[in-house]
């Protein structure tokens, strides 16, 4: 496999692409803000999203050790919450307590399957 094909395969396997449309003039503002922080635009936007998720993780009292295994949580107390794990697994929970229980349950089952495979 040539180098370019390998890079493209790796990118397609490990990353999702996202097109972002912003009002005229905002693109340069975002680039400038990222540069001021010594970051790429991509890194800057990911950092902002992670900080937003940190607020949700803190509100739900999710343990630090579990946060790195979760891609995101979205929803609200009226409609429930969707928990998305890094491996793509999703679950829907009605309450914050259910979210914590589902995370622990999923990660415990995941750990069991890892130890059974070895």
C-alpha atoms as a PDB file:
ATOM      1  CA  UNK A   1       0.000   0.000   0.000  1.00  0.00           C
ATOM      2  CA  UNK A   2       1.450   3.383  -0.936  1.00  0.00           C
ATOM      3  CA  UNK A   3       1.870   6.164   1.627  1.00  0.00           C
ATOM      4  CA  UNK A   4      -1.067   8.304   0.420  1.00  0.00           C
ATOM      5  CA  UNK A   5      -3.479   5.371   0.359  1.00  0.00           C
ATOM      6  CA  UNK A   6      -2.348   4.354   3.860  1.00  0.00           C
ATOM      7  CA  UNK A   7      -2.910   7.901   5.209  1.00  0.00           C
ATOM      8  CA  UNK A   8      -6.354   8.094   3.613  1.00  0.00           C
ATOM      9  CA  UNK A   9      -7.346   4.677   4.983  1.00  0.00           C
ATOM     10  CA  UNK A  10      -6.122   5.642   8.467  1.00  0.00           C
ATOM     11  CA  UNK A  11      -7.994   8.955   8.344  1.00  0.00           C
ATOM     12  CA  UNK A  12     -11.223   7.312   7.156  1.00  0.00           C
ATOM     13  CA  UNK A  13     -10.977   4.618   9.836  1.00  0.00           C
ATOM     14  CA  UNK A  14     -10.204   6.898  12.789  1.00  0.00           C
ATOM     15  CA  UNK A  15     -11.866  10.229  12.009  1.00  0.00           C
ATOM     16  CA  UNK A  16     -15.211  11.670  10.952  1.00  0.00           C
ATOM     17  CA  UNK A  17     -15.218  14.726   8.746  1.00  0.00           C
ATOM     18  CA  UNK A  18     -17.466  17.702   9.386  1.00  0.00           C
ATOM     19  CA  UNK A  19     -18.263  20.652   7.153  1.00  0.00           C
ATOM     20  CA  UNK A  20     -18.882  23.805   9.130  1.00  0.00           C
ATOM     21  CA  UNK A  21     -20.581  26.866   7.654  1.00  0.00           C
ATOM     22  CA  UNK A  22     -20.108  30.159   9.509  1.00  0.00           C
ATOM     23  CA  UNK A  23     -21.188  33.724   8.675  1.00  0.00           C
ATOM     24  CA  UNK A  24     -18.822  35.778   6.498  1.00  0.00           C
ATOM     25  CA  UNK A  25     -15.896  37.110   8.499  1.00  0.00           C
ATOM     26  CA  UNK A  26     -16.240  34.567  11.300  1.00  0.00           C
ATOM     27  CA  UNK A  27     -13.809  32.112   9.686  1.00  0.00           C
ATOM     28  CA  UNK A  28     -10.952  34.574  10.063  1.00  0.00           C
ATOM     29  CA  UNK A  29     -12.009  35.381  13.622  1.00  0.00           C
ATOM     30  CA  UNK A  30     -11.946  31.665  14.529  1.00  0.00           C
ATOM     31  CA  UNK A  31      -8.531  31.221  12.893  1.00  0.00           C
ATOM     32  CA  UNK A  32      -7.228  34.212  14.798  1.00  0.00           C
ATOM     33  CA  UNK A  33      -8.569  32.975  18.125  1.00  0.00           C
ATOM     34  CA  UNK A  34      -7.012  29.538  17.537  1.00  0.00           C
ATOM     35  CA  UNK A  35      -3.667  31.077  16.553  1.00  0.00           C
ATOM     36  CA  UNK A  36      -3.680  33.274  19.663  1.00  0.00           C
ATOM     37  CA  UNK A  37      -3.919  30.087  21.734  1.00  0.00           C
ATOM     38  CA  UNK A  38      -1.231  28.343  19.680  1.00  0.00           C
ATOM     39  CA  UNK A  39      -3.713  25.838  18.262  1.00  0.00           C
ATOM     40  CA  UNK A  40      -5.031  24.743  14.896  1.00  0.00           C
ATOM     41  CA  UNK A  41      -8.663  25.563  14.125  1.00  0.00           C
ATOM     42  CA  UNK A  42      -9.513  21.866  14.414  1.00  0.00           C
ATOM     43  CA  UNK A  43      -7.831  21.526  17.822  1.00  0.00           C
ATOM     44  CA  UNK A  44      -9.421  24.758  19.025  1.00  0.00           C
ATOM     45  CA  UNK A  45     -12.962  23.632  18.119  1.00  0.00           C
ATOM     46  CA  UNK A  46     -12.436  20.182  19.657  1.00  0.00           C
ATOM     47  CA  UNK A  47     -11.127  21.854  22.826  1.00  0.00           C
ATOM     48  CA  UNK A  48     -14.248  24.043  23.046  1.00  0.00           C
ATOM     49  CA  UNK A  49     -16.518  21.027  22.627  1.00  0.00           C
ATOM     50  CA  UNK A  50     -14.627  19.054  25.269  1.00  0.00           C
ATOM     51  CA  UNK A  51     -14.916  21.960  27.710  1.00  0.00           C
ATOM     52  CA  UNK A  52     -18.661  22.062  27.062  1.00  0.00           C
ATOM     53  CA  UNK A  53     -18.869  18.312  27.735  1.00  0.00           C
ATOM     54  CA  UNK A  54     -16.855  18.743  30.937  1.00  0.00           C
ATOM     55  CA  UNK A  55     -19.691  20.884  32.270  1.00  0.00           C
ATOM     56  CA  UNK A  56     -22.159  18.082  31.561  1.00  0.00           C
ATOM     57  CA  UNK A  57     -19.818  15.475  33.088  1.00  0.00           C
ATOM     58  CA  UNK A  58     -19.455  17.628  36.221  1.00  0.00           C
ATOM     59  CA  UNK A  59     -23.213  18.192  36.499  1.00  0.00           C
ATOM     60  CA  UNK A  60     -23.842  14.453  36.208  1.00  0.00           C
ATOM     61  CA  UNK A  61     -21.013  13.647  38.626  1.00  0.00           C
ATOM     62  CA  UNK A  62     -19.311  11.279  36.194  1.00  0.00           C
ATOM     63  CA  UNK A  63     -16.036   9.906  37.533  1.00  0.00           C
ATOM     64  CA  UNK A  64     -12.837  11.212  35.941  1.00  0.00           C
ATOM     65  CA  UNK A  65     -11.698   7.671  35.057  1.00  0.00           C
ATOM     66  CA  UNK A  66     -14.862   7.117  32.970  1.00  0.00           C
ATOM     67  CA  UNK A  67     -14.866  10.422  31.091  1.00  0.00           C
ATOM     68  CA  UNK A  68     -12.148   9.440  28.635  1.00  0.00           C
ATOM     69  CA  UNK A  69     -14.232   6.463  27.447  1.00  0.00           C
ATOM     70  CA  UNK A  70     -17.250   8.645  26.604  1.00  0.00           C
ATOM     71  CA  UNK A  71     -17.467  10.540  23.340  1.00  0.00           C
ATOM     72  CA  UNK A  72     -20.336  12.711  24.533  1.00  0.00           C
ATOM     73  CA  UNK A  73     -23.636  13.113  26.326  1.00  0.00           C
ATOM     74  CA  UNK A  74     -26.548  15.032  24.910  1.00  0.00           C
ATOM     75  CA  UNK A  75     -30.123  15.602  25.941  1.00  0.00           C
ATOM     76  CA  UNK A  76     -32.060  17.090  28.813  1.00  0.00           C
ATOM     77  CA  UNK A  77     -34.061  16.089  31.872  1.00  0.00           C
ATOM     78  CA  UNK A  78     -37.363  16.173  29.946  1.00  0.00           C
ATOM     79  CA  UNK A  79     -36.426  13.995  26.954  1.00  0.00           C
ATOM     80  CA  UNK A  80     -33.680  11.944  28.577  1.00  0.00           C
ATOM     81  CA  UNK A  81     -29.993  11.659  27.769  1.00  0.00           C
ATOM     82  CA  UNK A  82     -28.052   9.873  25.042  1.00  0.00           C
ATOM     83  CA  UNK A  83     -24.644   8.604  26.093  1.00  0.00           C
ATOM     84  CA  UNK A  84     -22.205   7.959  23.242  1.00  0.00           C
ATOM     85  CA  UNK A  85     -19.095   5.911  23.971  1.00  0.00           C
ATOM     86  CA  UNK A  86     -15.845   6.185  22.029  1.00  0.00           C
ATOM     87  CA  UNK A  87     -16.467   2.816  20.350  1.00  0.00           C
ATOM     88  CA  UNK A  88     -19.772   4.101  18.925  1.00  0.00           C
ATOM     89  CA  UNK A  89     -22.064   2.333  21.397  1.00  0.00           C
ATOM     90  CA  UNK A  90     -25.038   4.513  22.393  1.00  0.00           C
ATOM     91  CA  UNK A  91     -27.581   4.200  25.170  1.00  0.00           C
ATOM     92  CA  UNK A  92     -30.575   6.306  26.160  1.00  0.00           C
ATOM     93  CA  UNK A  93     -31.262   7.114  29.824  1.00  0.00           C
ATOM     94  CA  UNK A  94     -34.144   8.933  31.488  1.00  0.00           C
ATOM     95  CA  UNK A  95     -32.326  10.460  34.468  1.00  0.00           C
ATOM     96  CA  UNK A  96     -28.822  11.546  35.472  1.00  0.00           C
ATOM     97  CA  UNK A  97     -28.715   8.653  37.923  1.00  0.00           C
ATOM     98  CA  UNK A  98     -29.558   6.266  35.057  1.00  0.00           C
ATOM     99  CA  UNK A  99     -26.714   7.789  33.029  1.00  0.00           C
ATOM    100  CA  UNK A 100     -24.198   7.064  35.798  1.00  0.00           C
ATOM    101  CA  UNK A 101     -25.539   3.517  36.241  1.00  0.00           C
ATOM    102  CA  UNK A 102     -25.475   2.831  32.488  1.00  0.00           C
ATOM    103  CA  UNK A 103     -21.878   4.048  32.195  1.00  0.00           C
ATOM    104  CA  UNK A 104     -20.719   1.861  35.062  1.00  0.00           C
ATOM    105  CA  UNK A 105     -22.659  -1.124  33.742  1.00  0.00           C
ATOM    106  CA  UNK A 106     -21.353  -0.732  30.180  1.00  0.00           C
ATOM    107  CA  UNK A 107     -17.753  -0.215  31.260  1.00  0.00           C
ATOM    108  CA  UNK A 108     -17.922  -3.148  33.680  1.00  0.00           C
ATOM    109  CA  UNK A 109     -19.268  -5.431  30.936  1.00  0.00           C
ATOM    110  CA  UNK A 110     -16.628  -4.075  28.538  1.00  0.00           C
ATOM    111  CA  UNK A 111     -13.890  -4.857  31.070  1.00  0.00           C
ATOM    112  CA  UNK A 112     -15.282  -8.364  31.610  1.00  0.00           C
ATOM    113  CA  UNK A 113     -15.163  -9.113  27.887  1.00  0.00           C
ATOM    114  CA  UNK A 114     -11.589  -7.829  27.711  1.00  0.00           C
ATOM    115  CA  UNK A 115     -10.438 -10.114  30.506  1.00  0.00           C
ATOM    116  CA  UNK A 116     -12.332 -13.090  29.020  1.00  0.00           C
ATOM    117  CA  UNK A 117     -10.590 -12.593  25.663  1.00  0.00           C
ATOM    118  CA  UNK A 118      -7.102 -12.690  27.210  1.00  0.00           C
END
